[in-house]
Amino acid sequence: MMNMMTNERKIWEAALLLVRRHGTAAADVAQQEVQRLRSGDDALTCVVWCWIARSTAELLRPYPDEGERVH
């Protein structure tokens, strides 16, 4: 059995791919995947998709939060 690890970079890459493919609907697409996985028995995949959904929503935010540093 292979031990798989998901790192933060892969999460952001997946979020960026969703935005490129689905545009402003990307966060909704990711959230639909989370909802689909919640009824299954693969909790880890569901958690990863929760991270992807959160990252996708963050990519689509039009303005930074108050006090957030911008590079």
N, C-alpha and C. Protein backbone atom coordinates (compact mmCIF):
# COMPACT_ATOMS: atom_id res chain seq x y z
N MET A 1 0.85 -1.18 0.00
CA MET A 1 0.00 0.00 0.00
C MET A 1 0.89 1.24 0.00
N MET A 2 0.62 2.14 -0.94
CA MET A 2 1.43 3.34 -1.06
C MET A 2 0.87 4.44 -0.15
N ASN A 3 1.75 5.11 0.55
CA ASN A 3 1.35 6.20 1.43
C ASN A 3 1.34 7.50 0.63
N MET A 4 0.18 8.16 0.50
CA MET A 4 0.04 9.37 -0.30
C MET A 4 -0.02 10.58 0.61
N MET A 5 0.59 11.66 0.17
CA MET A 5 0.55 12.88 0.95
C MET A 5 0.16 14.03 0.01
N THR A 6 -0.74 14.86 0.45
CA THR A 6 -1.13 16.02 -0.32
C THR A 6 -0.50 17.24 0.31
N ASN A 7 0.25 17.99 -0.49
CA ASN A 7 0.88 19.17 0.07
C ASN A 7 0.14 20.43 -0.38
N GLU A 8 0.47 21.52 0.24
CA GLU A 8 -0.23 22.78 0.00
C GLU A 8 -0.10 23.22 -1.46
N ARG A 9 1.05 23.00 -2.05
CA ARG A 9 1.24 23.40 -3.44
C ARG A 9 0.26 22.67 -4.37
N LYS A 10 0.07 21.39 -4.14
CA LYS A 10 -0.86 20.62 -4.97
C LYS A 10 -2.31 21.12 -4.79
N ILE A 11 -2.64 21.52 -3.58
CA ILE A 11 -3.97 22.07 -3.32
C ILE A 11 -4.17 23.33 -4.16
N TRP A 12 -3.19 24.24 -4.13
CA TRP A 12 -3.30 25.49 -4.89
C TRP A 12 -3.28 25.23 -6.39
N GLU A 13 -2.51 24.25 -6.84
CA GLU A 13 -2.51 23.91 -8.27
C GLU A 13 -3.88 23.41 -8.71
N ALA A 14 -4.50 22.58 -7.88
CA ALA A 14 -5.84 22.09 -8.21
C ALA A 14 -6.84 23.24 -8.24
N ALA A 15 -6.74 24.15 -7.28
CA ALA A 15 -7.64 25.31 -7.25
C ALA A 15 -7.45 26.17 -8.49
N LEU A 16 -6.22 26.39 -8.88
CA LEU A 16 -5.95 27.19 -10.08
C LEU A 16 -6.48 26.52 -11.33
N LEU A 17 -6.35 25.21 -11.43
CA LEU A 17 -6.90 24.49 -12.58
C LEU A 17 -8.42 24.62 -12.64
N LEU A 18 -9.07 24.55 -11.48
CA LEU A 18 -10.52 24.74 -11.44
C LEU A 18 -10.91 26.13 -11.92
N VAL A 19 -10.18 27.14 -11.49
CA VAL A 19 -10.48 28.52 -11.91
C VAL A 19 -10.26 28.67 -13.41
N ARG A 20 -9.19 28.09 -13.92
CA ARG A 20 -8.94 28.18 -15.37
C ARG A 20 -10.03 27.49 -16.18
N ARG A 21 -10.53 26.38 -15.67
CA ARG A 21 -11.53 25.61 -16.41
C ARG A 21 -12.94 26.17 -16.24
N HIS A 22 -13.29 26.60 -15.02
CA HIS A 22 -14.67 26.97 -14.72
C HIS A 22 -14.87 28.45 -14.44
N GLY A 23 -13.81 29.22 -14.41
CA GLY A 23 -13.93 30.66 -14.16
C GLY A 23 -14.55 30.95 -12.81
N THR A 24 -15.49 31.89 -12.78
CA THR A 24 -16.08 32.31 -11.51
C THR A 24 -16.95 31.23 -10.87
N ALA A 25 -17.29 30.19 -11.63
CA ALA A 25 -18.09 29.08 -11.08
C ALA A 25 -17.22 28.03 -10.40
N ALA A 26 -15.91 28.22 -10.38
CA ALA A 26 -14.98 27.21 -9.86
C ALA A 26 -15.25 26.87 -8.39
N ALA A 27 -15.53 27.87 -7.57
CA ALA A 27 -15.79 27.60 -6.16
C ALA A 27 -17.04 26.75 -5.99
N ASP A 28 -18.05 27.01 -6.79
CA ASP A 28 -19.28 26.20 -6.74
C ASP A 28 -19.02 24.77 -7.18
N VAL A 29 -18.21 24.60 -8.21
CA VAL A 29 -17.86 23.26 -8.70
C VAL A 29 -17.13 22.49 -7.61
N ALA A 30 -16.18 23.14 -6.95
CA ALA A 30 -15.43 22.47 -5.88
C ALA A 30 -16.35 22.12 -4.72
N GLN A 31 -17.26 23.01 -4.38
CA GLN A 31 -18.18 22.74 -3.27
C GLN A 31 -19.13 21.60 -3.61
N GLN A 32 -19.53 21.48 -4.87
CA GLN A 32 -20.37 20.35 -5.29
C GLN A 32 -19.63 19.03 -5.12
N GLU A 33 -18.34 19.05 -5.41
CA GLU A 33 -17.53 17.84 -5.23
C GLU A 33 -17.43 17.47 -3.75
N VAL A 34 -17.29 18.48 -2.90
CA VAL A 34 -17.27 18.24 -1.45
C VAL A 34 -18.58 17.58 -1.02
N GLN A 35 -19.70 18.12 -1.46
CA GLN A 35 -21.00 17.57 -1.08
C GLN A 35 -21.16 16.13 -1.56
N ARG A 36 -20.67 15.85 -2.77
CA ARG A 36 -20.76 14.49 -3.31
C ARG A 36 -19.94 13.52 -2.45
N LEU A 37 -18.77 13.96 -2.02
CA LEU A 37 -17.87 13.09 -1.26
C LEU A 37 -18.29 12.92 0.19
N ARG A 38 -19.07 13.84 0.72
CA ARG A 38 -19.50 13.74 2.13
C ARG A 38 -20.34 12.50 2.38
N SER A 39 -21.04 12.04 1.38
CA SER A 39 -21.89 10.87 1.56
C SER A 39 -21.11 9.56 1.40
N GLY A 40 -19.85 9.65 1.01
CA GLY A 40 -19.04 8.45 0.81
C GLY A 40 -18.27 8.05 2.05
N ASP A 41 -17.40 7.08 1.87
CA ASP A 41 -16.62 6.58 3.00
C ASP A 41 -15.15 6.97 2.92
N ASP A 42 -14.81 7.88 2.01
CA ASP A 42 -13.42 8.32 1.86
C ASP A 42 -13.27 9.72 2.47
N ALA A 43 -13.10 9.75 3.78
CA ALA A 43 -13.05 11.03 4.50
C ALA A 43 -11.84 11.87 4.09
N LEU A 44 -10.71 11.24 3.82
CA LEU A 44 -9.51 11.99 3.46
C LEU A 44 -9.70 12.75 2.15
N THR A 45 -10.27 12.10 1.15
CA THR A 45 -10.52 12.78 -0.11
C THR A 45 -11.49 13.94 0.08
N CYS A 46 -12.47 13.77 0.92
CA CYS A 46 -13.41 14.84 1.22
C CYS A 46 -12.69 16.03 1.86
N VAL A 47 -11.79 15.75 2.78
CA VAL A 47 -11.03 16.82 3.43
C VAL A 47 -10.16 17.56 2.41
N VAL A 48 -9.52 16.83 1.53
CA VAL A 48 -8.69 17.46 0.51
C VAL A 48 -9.54 18.37 -0.37
N TRP A 49 -10.74 17.91 -0.75
CA TRP A 49 -11.61 18.75 -1.56
C TRP A 49 -12.13 19.96 -0.78
N CYS A 50 -12.28 19.83 0.51
CA CYS A 50 -12.62 21.00 1.33
C CYS A 50 -11.51 22.03 1.25
N TRP A 51 -10.26 21.59 1.31
CA TRP A 51 -9.12 22.50 1.18
C TRP A 51 -9.10 23.14 -0.21
N ILE A 52 -9.35 22.33 -1.23
CA ILE A 52 -9.37 22.85 -2.60
C ILE A 52 -10.48 23.89 -2.75
N ALA A 53 -11.66 23.59 -2.21
CA ALA A 53 -12.79 24.53 -2.31
C ALA A 53 -12.45 25.84 -1.62
N ARG A 54 -11.85 25.76 -0.44
CA ARG A 54 -11.47 26.98 0.30
C ARG A 54 -10.42 27.78 -0.48
N SER A 55 -9.45 27.10 -1.05
CA SER A 55 -8.41 27.77 -1.82
C SER A 55 -8.97 28.39 -3.08
N THR A 56 -9.90 27.71 -3.72
CA THR A 56 -10.53 28.23 -4.93
C THR A 56 -11.30 29.51 -4.61
N ALA A 57 -12.05 29.49 -3.54
CA ALA A 57 -12.80 30.69 -3.13
C ALA A 57 -11.84 31.83 -2.83
N GLU A 58 -10.71 31.51 -2.23
CA GLU A 58 -9.72 32.55 -1.91
C GLU A 58 -9.11 33.14 -3.18
N LEU A 59 -8.86 32.29 -4.18
CA LEU A 59 -8.33 32.79 -5.45
C LEU A 59 -9.31 33.74 -6.13
N LEU A 60 -10.59 33.50 -5.95
CA LEU A 60 -11.62 34.29 -6.63
C LEU A 60 -12.04 35.55 -5.86
N ARG A 61 -11.51 35.73 -4.65
CA ARG A 61 -11.86 36.93 -3.88
C ARG A 61 -11.41 38.17 -4.64
N PRO A 62 -12.29 39.16 -4.79
CA PRO A 62 -11.90 40.36 -5.55
C PRO A 62 -10.96 41.29 -4.79
N TYR A 63 -11.02 41.28 -3.46
CA TYR A 63 -10.20 42.18 -2.65
C TYR A 63 -9.63 41.41 -1.46
N PRO A 64 -8.44 41.81 -1.01
CA PRO A 64 -7.88 41.16 0.19
C PRO A 64 -8.67 41.55 1.44
N ASP A 65 -8.60 40.71 2.44
CA ASP A 65 -9.24 41.04 3.72
C ASP A 65 -8.52 42.21 4.37
N GLU A 66 -9.24 42.91 5.23
CA GLU A 66 -8.64 44.05 5.93
C GLU A 66 -7.46 43.57 6.76
N GLY A 67 -6.33 44.24 6.62
CA GLY A 67 -5.14 43.86 7.36
C GLY A 67 -4.31 42.77 6.70
N GLU A 68 -4.82 42.18 5.62
CA GLU A 68 -4.08 41.12 4.94
C GLU A 68 -2.94 41.71 4.14
N ARG A 69 -1.77 41.11 4.25
CA ARG A 69 -0.62 41.59 3.49
C ARG A 69 -0.74 41.15 2.04
N VAL A 70 -0.39 42.04 1.13
CA VAL A 70 -0.43 41.75 -0.29
C VAL A 70 0.99 41.85 -0.82
N HIS A 71 1.39 40.84 -1.57
CA HIS A 71 2.76 40.82 -2.10
C HIS A 71 2.77 41.38 -3.50
